[in-house]
Amino acid sequence: MAKFHGKIGYIQTEETAPGVHTEIIMEFPYTGDILANNLRWERGENLNDDLNISNRFSIVADAFAYENIQFIRYVTWMGSKWSVRSVDIQRPRLVLSVGGVYNG
């Protein structure tokens, strides 16, 4: 099983002016394991094919991660940010399933 060490991105919105909401990005480092490592090319509407991954990362979660599960948006791995598709709670770990490149 491969080891993982990378950043998890959280996005929260904050009202900066009346009626104006701004996204605040927070990144925190986590360690864990890579449970699945699958890469595939998919044809899309773009000129070039899209690279999607179907990886699962099991991270050792802290109190902040458990309290802010709903704000997890991406995992930084291999120099790119990958969108989190689902989160499975298996205390003391969180299992993050990721998909395509995060474009936020």
PDB file of N, CA and C in Angstrom:
ATOM      1  N   MET A   1       0.847  -1.170   0.000  1.00  0.00           N
ATOM      2  CA  MET A   1       0.000   0.000   0.000  1.00  0.00           C
ATOM      3  C   MET A   1       0.894   1.235   0.000  1.00  0.00           C
ATOM      4  N   ALA A   2       0.624   2.146  -0.901  1.00  0.00           N
ATOM      5  CA  ALA A   2       1.417   3.366  -1.010  1.00  0.00           C
ATOM      6  C   ALA A   2       1.017   4.366   0.074  1.00  0.00           C
ATOM      7  N   LYS A   3       1.978   5.155   0.483  1.00  0.00           N
ATOM      8  CA  LYS A   3       1.732   6.184   1.490  1.00  0.00           C
ATOM      9  C   LYS A   3       1.383   7.509   0.820  1.00  0.00           C
ATOM     10  N   PHE A   4       0.595   8.301   1.518  1.00  0.00           N
ATOM     11  CA  PHE A   4       0.172   9.606   1.019  1.00  0.00           C
ATOM     12  C   PHE A   4       0.579  10.682   2.012  1.00  0.00           C
ATOM     13  N   HIS A   5       1.118  11.759   1.496  1.00  0.00           N
ATOM     14  CA  HIS A   5       1.360  12.964   2.288  1.00  0.00           C
ATOM     15  C   HIS A   5       1.081  14.144   1.366  1.00  0.00           C
ATOM     16  N   GLY A   6       0.054  14.887   1.679  1.00  0.00           N
ATOM     17  CA  GLY A   6      -0.319  16.015   0.831  1.00  0.00           C
ATOM     18  C   GLY A   6      -1.294  16.924   1.553  1.00  0.00           C
ATOM     19  N   LYS A   7      -1.769  17.911   0.825  1.00  0.00           N
ATOM     20  CA  LYS A   7      -2.673  18.899   1.409  1.00  0.00           C
ATOM     21  C   LYS A   7      -4.112  18.637   0.994  1.00  0.00           C
ATOM     22  N   ILE A   8      -5.007  18.886   1.929  1.00  0.00           N
ATOM     23  CA  ILE A   8      -6.444  18.809   1.690  1.00  0.00           C
ATOM     24  C   ILE A   8      -6.960  20.237   1.684  1.00  0.00           C
ATOM     25  N   GLY A   9      -7.744  20.581   0.657  1.00  0.00           N
ATOM     26  CA  GLY A   9      -8.268  21.934   0.526  1.00  0.00           C
ATOM     27  C   GLY A   9      -9.698  22.041   1.025  1.00  0.00           C
ATOM     28  N   TYR A  10      -9.936  23.022   1.874  1.00  0.00           N
ATOM     29  CA  TYR A  10     -11.258  23.324   2.410  1.00  0.00           C
ATOM     30  C   TYR A  10     -11.692  24.673   1.849  1.00  0.00           C
ATOM     31  N   ILE A  11     -12.951  24.797   1.475  1.00  0.00           N
ATOM     32  CA  ILE A  11     -13.449  26.072   0.961  1.00  0.00           C
ATOM     33  C   ILE A  11     -14.684  26.469   1.759  1.00  0.00           C
ATOM     34  N   GLN A  12     -14.620  27.649   2.355  1.00  0.00           N
ATOM     35  CA  GLN A  12     -15.750  28.211   3.078  1.00  0.00           C
ATOM     36  C   GLN A  12     -16.067  29.573   2.482  1.00  0.00           C
ATOM     37  N   THR A  13     -17.314  30.002   2.617  1.00  0.00           N
ATOM     38  CA  THR A  13     -17.685  31.326   2.120  1.00  0.00           C
ATOM     39  C   THR A  13     -17.838  32.280   3.293  1.00  0.00           C
ATOM     40  N   GLU A  14     -17.468  33.509   3.036  1.00  0.00           N
ATOM     41  CA  GLU A  14     -17.533  34.542   4.060  1.00  0.00           C
ATOM     42  C   GLU A  14     -18.145  35.795   3.435  1.00  0.00           C
ATOM     43  N   GLU A  15     -19.029  36.442   4.158  1.00  0.00           N
ATOM     44  CA  GLU A  15     -19.658  37.660   3.649  1.00  0.00           C
ATOM     45  C   GLU A  15     -18.691  38.827   3.867  1.00  0.00           C
ATOM     46  N   THR A  16     -18.163  39.382   2.767  1.00  0.00           N
ATOM     47  CA  THR A  16     -17.194  40.471   2.851  1.00  0.00           C
ATOM     48  C   THR A  16     -17.863  41.835   2.783  1.00  0.00           C
ATOM     49  N   ALA A  17     -19.030  41.908   2.215  1.00  0.00           N
ATOM     50  CA  ALA A  17     -19.843  43.124   2.151  1.00  0.00           C
ATOM     51  C   ALA A  17     -21.292  42.660   2.116  1.00  0.00           C
ATOM     52  N   PRO A  18     -22.223  43.542   2.390  1.00  0.00           N
ATOM     53  CA  PRO A  18     -23.627  43.119   2.356  1.00  0.00           C
ATOM     54  C   PRO A  18     -23.995  42.526   0.990  1.00  0.00           C
ATOM     55  N   GLY A  19     -24.376  41.250   1.003  1.00  0.00           N
ATOM     56  CA  GLY A  19     -24.772  40.569  -0.220  1.00  0.00           C
ATOM     57  C   GLY A  19     -23.622  40.041  -1.060  1.00  0.00           C
ATOM     58  N   VAL A  20     -22.362  40.246  -0.627  1.00  0.00           N
ATOM     59  CA  VAL A  20     -21.195  39.781  -1.374  1.00  0.00           C
ATOM     60  C   VAL A  20     -20.497  38.688  -0.562  1.00  0.00           C
ATOM     61  N   HIS A  21     -20.410  37.500  -1.154  1.00  0.00           N
ATOM     62  CA  HIS A  21     -19.769  36.371  -0.483  1.00  0.00           C
ATOM     63  C   HIS A  21     -18.505  35.994  -1.231  1.00  0.00           C
ATOM     64  N   THR A  22     -17.429  35.784  -0.493  1.00  0.00           N
ATOM     65  CA  THR A  22     -16.125  35.428  -1.064  1.00  0.00           C
ATOM     66  C   THR A  22     -15.710  34.066  -0.535  1.00  0.00           C
ATOM     67  N   GLU A  23     -15.110  33.250  -1.423  1.00  0.00           N
ATOM     68  CA  GLU A  23     -14.622  31.946  -1.004  1.00  0.00           C
ATOM     69  C   GLU A  23     -13.260  32.083  -0.328  1.00  0.00           C
ATOM     70  N   ILE A  24     -13.119  31.446   0.814  1.00  0.00           N
ATOM     71  CA  ILE A  24     -11.874  31.414   1.560  1.00  0.00           C
ATOM     72  C   ILE A  24     -11.309  29.998   1.430  1.00  0.00           C
ATOM     73  N   ILE A  25     -10.080  29.879   0.915  1.00  0.00           N
ATOM     74  CA  ILE A  25      -9.437  28.577   0.738  1.00  0.00           C
ATOM     75  C   ILE A  25      -8.451  28.348   1.878  1.00  0.00           C
ATOM     76  N   MET A  26      -8.580  27.178   2.515  1.00  0.00           N
ATOM     77  CA  MET A  26      -7.643  26.783   3.563  1.00  0.00           C
ATOM     78  C   MET A  26      -7.083  25.425   3.184  1.00  0.00           C
ATOM     79  N   GLU A  27      -5.770  25.246   3.300  1.00  0.00           N
ATOM     80  CA  GLU A  27      -5.120  23.971   3.019  1.00  0.00           C
ATOM     81  C   GLU A  27      -4.377  23.503   4.262  1.00  0.00           C
ATOM     82  N   PHE A  28      -4.525  22.214   4.552  1.00  0.00           N
ATOM     83  CA  PHE A  28      -3.842  21.639   5.700  1.00  0.00           C
ATOM     84  C   PHE A  28      -3.172  20.325   5.275  1.00  0.00           C
ATOM     85  N   PRO A  29      -1.970  20.049   5.770  1.00  0.00           N
ATOM     86  CA  PRO A  29      -1.276  18.800   5.406  1.00  0.00           C
ATOM     87  C   PRO A  29      -1.820  17.611   6.190  1.00  0.00           C
ATOM     88  N   TYR A  30      -1.914  16.470   5.494  1.00  0.00           N
ATOM     89  CA  TYR A  30      -2.363  15.225   6.113  1.00  0.00           C
ATOM     90  C   TYR A  30      -1.495  14.077   5.605  1.00  0.00           C
ATOM     91  N   THR A  31      -1.457  13.001   6.375  1.00  0.00           N
ATOM     92  CA  THR A  31      -0.761  11.790   5.964  1.00  0.00           C
ATOM     93  C   THR A  31      -1.747  10.631   5.999  1.00  0.00           C
ATOM     94  N   GLY A  32      -1.412   9.599   5.235  1.00  0.00           N
ATOM     95  CA  GLY A  32      -2.270   8.431   5.215  1.00  0.00           C
ATOM     96  C   GLY A  32      -1.812   7.443   4.162  1.00  0.00           C
ATOM     97  N   ASP A  33      -2.775   6.722   3.597  1.00  0.00           N
ATOM     98  CA  ASP A  33      -2.499   5.676   2.621  1.00  0.00           C
ATOM     99  C   ASP A  33      -3.300   5.919   1.344  1.00  0.00           C
ATOM    100  N   ILE A  34      -2.772   5.418   0.230  1.00  0.00           N
ATOM    101  CA  ILE A  34      -3.510   5.420  -1.032  1.00  0.00           C
ATOM    102  C   ILE A  34      -4.102   4.019  -1.167  1.00  0.00           C
ATOM    103  N   LEU A  35      -5.439   3.924  -1.098  1.00  0.00           N
ATOM    104  CA  LEU A  35      -6.110   2.632  -1.135  1.00  0.00           C
ATOM    105  C   LEU A  35      -6.327   2.138  -2.562  1.00  0.00           C
ATOM    106  N   ALA A  36      -6.543   3.058  -3.488  1.00  0.00           N
ATOM    107  CA  ALA A  36      -6.739   2.696  -4.897  1.00  0.00           C
ATOM    108  C   ALA A  36      -6.044   3.743  -5.739  1.00  0.00           C
ATOM    109  N   ASN A  37      -5.433   3.310  -6.838  1.00  0.00           N
ATOM    110  CA  ASN A  37      -4.675   4.225  -7.697  1.00  0.00           C
ATOM    111  C   ASN A  37      -4.990   3.886  -9.153  1.00  0.00           C
ATOM    112  N   ASN A  38      -6.041   4.514  -9.692  1.00  0.00           N
ATOM    113  CA  ASN A  38      -6.489   4.233 -11.052  1.00  0.00           C
ATOM    114  C   ASN A  38      -6.529   5.523 -11.869  1.00  0.00           C
ATOM    115  N   LEU A  39      -5.897   5.502 -13.031  1.00  0.00           N
ATOM    116  CA  LEU A  39      -5.906   6.644 -13.949  1.00  0.00           C
ATOM    117  C   LEU A  39      -6.603   6.239 -15.236  1.00  0.00           C
ATOM    118  N   ARG A  40      -7.358   7.169 -15.852  1.00  0.00           N
ATOM    119  CA  ARG A  40      -7.977   6.871 -17.133  1.00  0.00           C
ATOM    120  C   ARG A  40      -8.184   8.160 -17.924  1.00  0.00           C
ATOM    121  N   TRP A  41      -8.099   8.031 -19.223  1.00  0.00           N
ATOM    122  CA  TRP A  41      -8.359   9.148 -20.126  1.00  0.00           C
ATOM    123  C   TRP A  41      -9.805   9.053 -20.585  1.00  0.00           C
ATOM    124  N   GLU A  42     -10.508  10.200 -20.623  1.00  0.00           N
ATOM    125  CA  GLU A  42     -11.894  10.220 -21.076  1.00  0.00           C
ATOM    126  C   GLU A  42     -12.058  11.262 -22.169  1.00  0.00           C
ATOM    127  N   ARG A  43     -12.773  10.876 -23.199  1.00  0.00           N
ATOM    128  CA  ARG A  43     -13.069  11.831 -24.260  1.00  0.00           C
ATOM    129  C   ARG A  43     -14.184  12.740 -23.781  1.00  0.00           C
ATOM    130  N   GLY A  44     -14.001  14.019 -24.049  1.00  0.00           N
ATOM    131  CA  GLY A  44     -14.992  14.998 -23.632  1.00  0.00           C
ATOM    132  C   GLY A  44     -15.278  15.965 -24.760  1.00  0.00           C
ATOM    133  N   GLU A  45     -15.811  17.102 -24.407  1.00  0.00           N
ATOM    134  CA  GLU A  45     -16.127  18.124 -25.388  1.00  0.00           C
ATOM    135  C   GLU A  45     -14.913  18.962 -25.761  1.00  0.00           C
ATOM    136  N   ASN A  46     -13.818  18.771 -25.055  1.00  0.00           N
ATOM    137  CA  ASN A  46     -12.606  19.541 -25.302  1.00  0.00           C
ATOM    138  C   ASN A  46     -11.803  18.918 -26.439  1.00  0.00           C
ATOM    139  N   LEU A  47     -10.842  19.664 -26.935  1.00  0.00           N
ATOM    140  CA  LEU A  47      -9.962  19.173 -27.982  1.00  0.00           C
ATOM    141  C   LEU A  47      -9.124  17.997 -27.494  1.00  0.00           C
ATOM    142  N   ASN A  48      -8.616  18.114 -26.286  1.00  0.00           N
ATOM    143  CA  ASN A  48      -7.793  17.051 -25.698  1.00  0.00           C
ATOM    144  C   ASN A  48      -8.630  16.215 -24.739  1.00  0.00           C
ATOM    145  N   ASP A  49      -8.266  14.947 -24.608  1.00  0.00           N
ATOM    146  CA  ASP A  49      -8.942  14.072 -23.653  1.00  0.00           C
ATOM    147  C   ASP A  49      -8.648  14.534 -22.230  1.00  0.00           C
ATOM    148  N   ASP A  50      -9.571  14.244 -21.316  1.00  0.00           N
ATOM    149  CA  ASP A  50      -9.413  14.609 -19.911  1.00  0.00           C
ATOM    150  C   ASP A  50      -8.852  13.425 -19.134  1.00  0.00           C
ATOM    151  N   LEU A  51      -7.966  13.726 -18.194  1.00  0.00           N
ATOM    152  CA  LEU A  51      -7.426  12.696 -17.311  1.00  0.00           C
ATOM    153  C   LEU A  51      -8.268  12.683 -16.046  1.00  0.00           C
ATOM    154  N   ASN A  52      -8.815  11.527 -15.715  1.00  0.00           N
ATOM    155  CA  ASN A  52      -9.559  11.346 -14.484  1.00  0.00           C
ATOM    156  C   ASN A  52      -8.903  10.244 -13.684  1.00  0.00           C
ATOM    157  N   ILE A  53      -8.964  10.386 -12.381  1.00  0.00           N
ATOM    158  CA  ILE A  53      -8.442   9.350 -11.504  1.00  0.00           C
ATOM    159  C   ILE A  53      -9.578   8.851 -10.624  1.00  0.00           C
ATOM    160  N   SER A  54      -9.490   7.639 -10.221  1.00  0.00           N
ATOM    161  CA  SER A  54     -10.475   7.049  -9.307  1.00  0.00           C
ATOM    162  C   SER A  54      -9.726   6.577  -8.065  1.00  0.00           C
ATOM    163  N   ASN A  55      -9.015   7.491  -7.462  1.00  0.00           N
ATOM    164  CA  ASN A  55      -8.203   7.152  -6.295  1.00  0.00           C
ATOM    165  C   ASN A  55      -9.002   7.288  -5.018  1.00  0.00           C
ATOM    166  N   ARG A  56      -8.545   6.552  -4.021  1.00  0.00           N
ATOM    167  CA  ARG A  56      -9.102   6.658  -2.680  1.00  0.00           C
ATOM    168  C   ARG A  56      -7.947   6.882  -1.722  1.00  0.00           C
ATOM    169  N   PHE A  57      -8.051   7.945  -0.948  1.00  0.00           N
ATOM    170  CA  PHE A  57      -7.021   8.302   0.023  1.00  0.00           C
ATOM    171  C   PHE A  57      -7.601   8.126   1.416  1.00  0.00           C
ATOM    172  N   SER A  58      -6.902   7.376   2.254  1.00  0.00           N
ATOM    173  CA  SER A  58      -7.296   7.206   3.645  1.00  0.00           C
ATOM    174  C   SER A  58      -6.364   8.072   4.479  1.00  0.00           C
ATOM    175  N   ILE A  59      -6.921   9.131   5.072  1.00  0.00           N
ATOM    176  CA  ILE A  59      -6.091  10.052   5.853  1.00  0.00           C
ATOM    177  C   ILE A  59      -6.391   9.907   7.343  1.00  0.00           C
ATOM    178  N   VAL A  60      -5.386  10.161   8.144  1.00  0.00           N
ATOM    179  CA  VAL A  60      -5.571  10.220   9.588  1.00  0.00           C
ATOM    180  C   VAL A  60      -6.133  11.606   9.887  1.00  0.00           C
ATOM    181  N   ALA A  61      -7.388  11.631  10.297  1.00  0.00           N
ATOM    182  CA  ALA A  61      -8.101  12.900  10.457  1.00  0.00           C
ATOM    183  C   ALA A  61      -7.921  13.475  11.857  1.00  0.00           C
ATOM    184  N   ASP A  62      -8.020  14.792  11.924  1.00  0.00           N
ATOM    185  CA  ASP A  62      -7.979  15.497  13.204  1.00  0.00           C
ATOM    186  C   ASP A  62      -9.372  16.067  13.488  1.00  0.00           C
ATOM    187  N   ALA A  63      -9.496  16.758  14.604  1.00  0.00           N
ATOM    188  CA  ALA A  63     -10.794  17.321  14.988  1.00  0.00           C
ATOM    189  C   ALA A  63     -11.299  18.314  13.948  1.00  0.00           C
ATOM    190  N   PHE A  64     -10.394  19.122  13.368  1.00  0.00           N
ATOM    191  CA  PHE A  64     -10.806  20.097  12.359  1.00  0.00           C
ATOM    192  C   PHE A  64     -11.420  19.394  11.146  1.00  0.00           C
ATOM    193  N   ALA A  65     -10.825  18.293  10.711  1.00  0.00           N
ATOM    194  CA  ALA A  65     -11.332  17.559   9.549  1.00  0.00           C
ATOM    195  C   ALA A  65     -12.737  17.022   9.820  1.00  0.00           C
ATOM    196  N   TYR A  66     -12.960  16.464  11.000  1.00  0.00           N
ATOM    197  CA  TYR A  66     -14.292  15.937  11.325  1.00  0.00           C
ATOM    198  C   TYR A  66     -15.338  17.040  11.415  1.00  0.00           C
ATOM    199  N   GLU A  67     -14.966  18.184  11.943  1.00  0.00           N
ATOM    200  CA  GLU A  67     -15.916  19.285  12.093  1.00  0.00           C
ATOM    201  C   GLU A  67     -16.202  20.001  10.775  1.00  0.00           C
ATOM    202  N   ASN A  68     -15.327  19.831   9.771  1.00  0.00           N
ATOM    203  CA  ASN A  68     -15.473  20.564   8.511  1.00  0.00           C
ATOM    204  C   ASN A  68     -15.517  19.643   7.297  1.00  0.00           C
ATOM    205  N   ILE A  69     -16.057  18.451   7.446  1.00  0.00           N
ATOM    206  CA  ILE A  69     -16.146  17.496   6.334  1.00  0.00           C
ATOM    207  C   ILE A  69     -16.872  18.104   5.147  1.00  0.00           C
ATOM    208  N   GLN A  70     -17.922  18.857   5.413  1.00  0.00           N
ATOM    209  CA  GLN A  70     -18.739  19.414   4.331  1.00  0.00           C
ATOM    210  C   GLN A  70     -17.998  20.445   3.485  1.00  0.00           C
ATOM    211  N   PHE A  71     -16.863  20.937   3.948  1.00  0.00           N
ATOM    212  CA  PHE A  71     -16.106  21.952   3.215  1.00  0.00           C
ATOM    213  C   PHE A  71     -14.906  21.393   2.455  1.00  0.00           C
ATOM    214  N   ILE A  72     -14.649  20.084   2.536  1.00  0.00           N
ATOM    215  CA  ILE A  72     -13.523  19.479   1.814  1.00  0.00           C
ATOM    216  C   ILE A  72     -13.833  19.503   0.323  1.00  0.00           C
ATOM    217  N   ARG A  73     -12.911  20.070  -0.474  1.00  0.00           N
ATOM    218  CA  ARG A  73     -13.144  20.195  -1.917  1.00  0.00           C
ATOM    219  C   ARG A  73     -12.104  19.493  -2.775  1.00  0.00           C
ATOM    220  N   TYR A  74     -10.838  19.443  -2.319  1.00  0.00           N
ATOM    221  CA  TYR A  74      -9.814  18.839  -3.168  1.00  0.00           C
ATOM    222  C   TYR A  74      -8.677  18.248  -2.357  1.00  0.00           C
ATOM    223  N   VAL A  75      -7.934  17.362  -3.048  1.00  0.00           N
ATOM    224  CA  VAL A  75      -6.721  16.735  -2.519  1.00  0.00           C
ATOM    225  C   VAL A  75      -5.586  17.109  -3.459  1.00  0.00           C
ATOM    226  N   THR A  76      -4.475  17.588  -2.919  1.00  0.00           N
ATOM    227  CA  THR A  76      -3.305  17.884  -3.744  1.00  0.00           C
ATOM    228  C   THR A  76      -2.432  16.634  -3.794  1.00  0.00           C
ATOM    229  N   TRP A  77      -2.230  16.115  -5.025  1.00  0.00           N
ATOM    230  CA  TRP A  77      -1.467  14.890  -5.215  1.00  0.00           C
ATOM    231  C   TRP A  77      -0.802  14.945  -6.584  1.00  0.00           C
ATOM    232  N   MET A  78       0.457  14.597  -6.651  1.00  0.00           N
ATOM    233  CA  MET A  78       1.245  14.598  -7.888  1.00  0.00           C
ATOM    234  C   MET A  78       1.229  15.969  -8.581  1.00  0.00           C
ATOM    235  N   GLY A  79       1.244  17.030  -7.798  1.00  0.00           N
ATOM    236  CA  GLY A  79       1.336  18.378  -8.334  1.00  0.00           C
ATOM    237  C   GLY A  79       0.038  18.967  -8.850  1.00  0.00           C
ATOM    238  N   SER A  80      -1.086  18.273  -8.687  1.00  0.00           N
ATOM    239  CA  SER A  80      -2.380  18.785  -9.141  1.00  0.00           C
ATOM    240  C   SER A  80      -3.403  18.704  -8.021  1.00  0.00           C
ATOM    241  N   LYS A  81      -4.460  19.466  -8.177  1.00  0.00           N
ATOM    242  CA  LYS A  81      -5.567  19.423  -7.224  1.00  0.00           C
ATOM    243  C   LYS A  81      -6.674  18.569  -7.835  1.00  0.00           C
ATOM    244  N   TRP A  82      -7.137  17.549  -7.085  1.00  0.00           N
ATOM    245  CA  TRP A  82      -8.142  16.606  -7.563  1.00  0.00           C
ATOM    246  C   TRP A  82      -9.417  16.767  -6.749  1.00  0.00           C
ATOM    247  N   SER A  83     -10.567  16.843  -7.437  1.00  0.00           N
ATOM    248  CA  SER A  83     -11.863  17.040  -6.783  1.00  0.00           C
ATOM    249  C   SER A  83     -12.240  15.855  -5.918  1.00  0.00           C
ATOM    250  N   VAL A  84     -12.710  16.149  -4.720  1.00  0.00           N
ATOM    251  CA  VAL A  84     -13.203  15.111  -3.820  1.00  0.00           C
ATOM    252  C   VAL A  84     -14.652  14.831  -4.191  1.00  0.00           C
ATOM    253  N   ARG A  85     -14.951  13.572  -4.495  1.00  0.00           N
ATOM    254  CA  ARG A  85     -16.302  13.151  -4.891  1.00  0.00           C
ATOM    255  C   ARG A  85     -17.121  12.663  -3.704  1.00  0.00           C
ATOM    256  N   SER A  86     -16.462  11.982  -2.762  1.00  0.00           N
ATOM    257  CA  SER A  86     -17.176  11.487  -1.583  1.00  0.00           C
ATOM    258  C   SER A  86     -16.211  11.305  -0.422  1.00  0.00           C
ATOM    259  N   VAL A  87     -16.777  11.315   0.780  1.00  0.00           N
ATOM    260  CA  VAL A  87     -15.995  11.129   2.004  1.00  0.00           C
ATOM    261  C   VAL A  87     -16.665  10.031   2.819  1.00  0.00           C
ATOM    262  N   ASP A  88     -15.892   9.019   3.176  1.00  0.00           N
ATOM    263  CA  ASP A  88     -16.370   7.911   3.990  1.00  0.00           C
ATOM    264  C   ASP A  88     -15.718   8.040   5.363  1.00  0.00           C
ATOM    265  N   ILE A  89     -16.541   8.088   6.406  1.00  0.00           N
ATOM    266  CA  ILE A  89     -16.023   8.259   7.769  1.00  0.00           C
ATOM    267  C   ILE A  89     -15.748   6.887   8.366  1.00  0.00           C
ATOM    268  N   GLN A  90     -14.474   6.622   8.681  1.00  0.00           N
ATOM    269  CA  GLN A  90     -14.050   5.389   9.335  1.00  0.00           C
ATOM    270  C   GLN A  90     -13.068   5.774  10.436  1.00  0.00           C
ATOM    271  N   ARG A  91     -13.618   6.255  11.543  1.00  0.00           N
ATOM    272  CA  ARG A  91     -12.778   6.786  12.617  1.00  0.00           C
ATOM    273  C   ARG A  91     -11.644   5.846  12.970  1.00  0.00           C
ATOM    274  N   PRO A  92     -10.447   6.338  13.144  1.00  0.00           N
ATOM    275  CA  PRO A  92      -9.970   7.712  13.184  1.00  0.00           C
ATOM    276  C   PRO A  92      -9.568   8.251  11.808  1.00  0.00           C
ATOM    277  N   ARG A  93     -10.073   7.639  10.747  1.00  0.00           N
ATOM    278  CA  ARG A  93      -9.691   8.035   9.390  1.00  0.00           C
ATOM    279  C   ARG A  93     -10.878   8.558   8.610  1.00  0.00           C
ATOM    280  N   LEU A  94     -10.555   9.298   7.551  1.00  0.00           N
ATOM    281  CA  LEU A  94     -11.515   9.675   6.524  1.00  0.00           C
ATOM    282  C   LEU A  94     -11.000   9.082   5.215  1.00  0.00           C
ATOM    283  N   VAL A  95     -11.877   8.462   4.453  1.00  0.00           N
ATOM    284  CA  VAL A  95     -11.505   7.921   3.145  1.00  0.00           C
ATOM    285  C   VAL A  95     -12.099   8.839   2.096  1.00  0.00           C
ATOM    286  N   LEU A  96     -11.207   9.508   1.350  1.00  0.00           N
ATOM    287  CA  LEU A  96     -11.610  10.474   0.328  1.00  0.00           C
ATOM    288  C   LEU A  96     -11.532   9.820  -1.041  1.00  0.00           C
ATOM    289  N   SER A  97     -12.637   9.817  -1.782  1.00  0.00           N
ATOM    290  CA  SER A  97     -12.661   9.333  -3.161  1.00  0.00           C
ATOM    291  C   SER A  97     -12.597  10.544  -4.066  1.00  0.00           C
ATOM    292  N   VAL A  98     -11.646  10.523  -5.000  1.00  0.00           N
ATOM    293  CA  VAL A  98     -11.447  11.692  -5.869  1.00  0.00           C
ATOM    294  C   VAL A  98     -11.714  11.325  -7.323  1.00  0.00           C
ATOM    295  N   GLY A  99     -11.920  12.373  -8.138  1.00  0.00           N
ATOM    296  CA  GLY A  99     -12.207  12.180  -9.554  1.00  0.00           C
ATOM    297  C   GLY A  99     -11.303  13.044 -10.410  1.00  0.00           C
ATOM    298  N   GLY A 100     -11.887  13.945 -11.174  1.00  0.00           N
ATOM    299  CA  GLY A 100     -11.147  14.766 -12.107  1.00  0.00           C
ATOM    300  C   GLY A 100     -10.389  15.903 -11.450  1.00  0.00           C
ATOM    301  N   VAL A 101      -9.724  16.682 -12.279  1.00  0.00           N
ATOM    302  CA  VAL A 101      -8.939  17.831 -11.817  1.00  0.00           C
ATOM    303  C   VAL A 101      -9.885  18.889 -11.256  1.00  0.00           C
ATOM    304  N   TYR A 102      -9.513  19.479 -10.129  1.00  0.00           N
ATOM    305  CA  TYR A 102     -10.299  20.528  -9.484  1.00  0.00           C
ATOM    306  C   TYR A 102     -10.061  21.851 -10.222  1.00  0.00           C
ATOM    307  N   ASN A 103     -11.134  22.504 -10.633  1.00  0.00           N
ATOM    308  CA  ASN A 103     -11.027  23.751 -11.394  1.00  0.00           C
ATOM    309  C   ASN A 103     -11.615  24.931 -10.634  1.00  0.00           C
ATOM    310  N   GLY A 104     -11.478  24.941  -9.329  1.00  0.00           N
ATOM    311  CA  GLY A 104     -12.082  25.986  -8.528  1.00  0.00           C
ATOM    312  C   GLY A 104     -11.312  27.173  -8.438  1.00  0.00           C
TER     313      GLY A 104
END
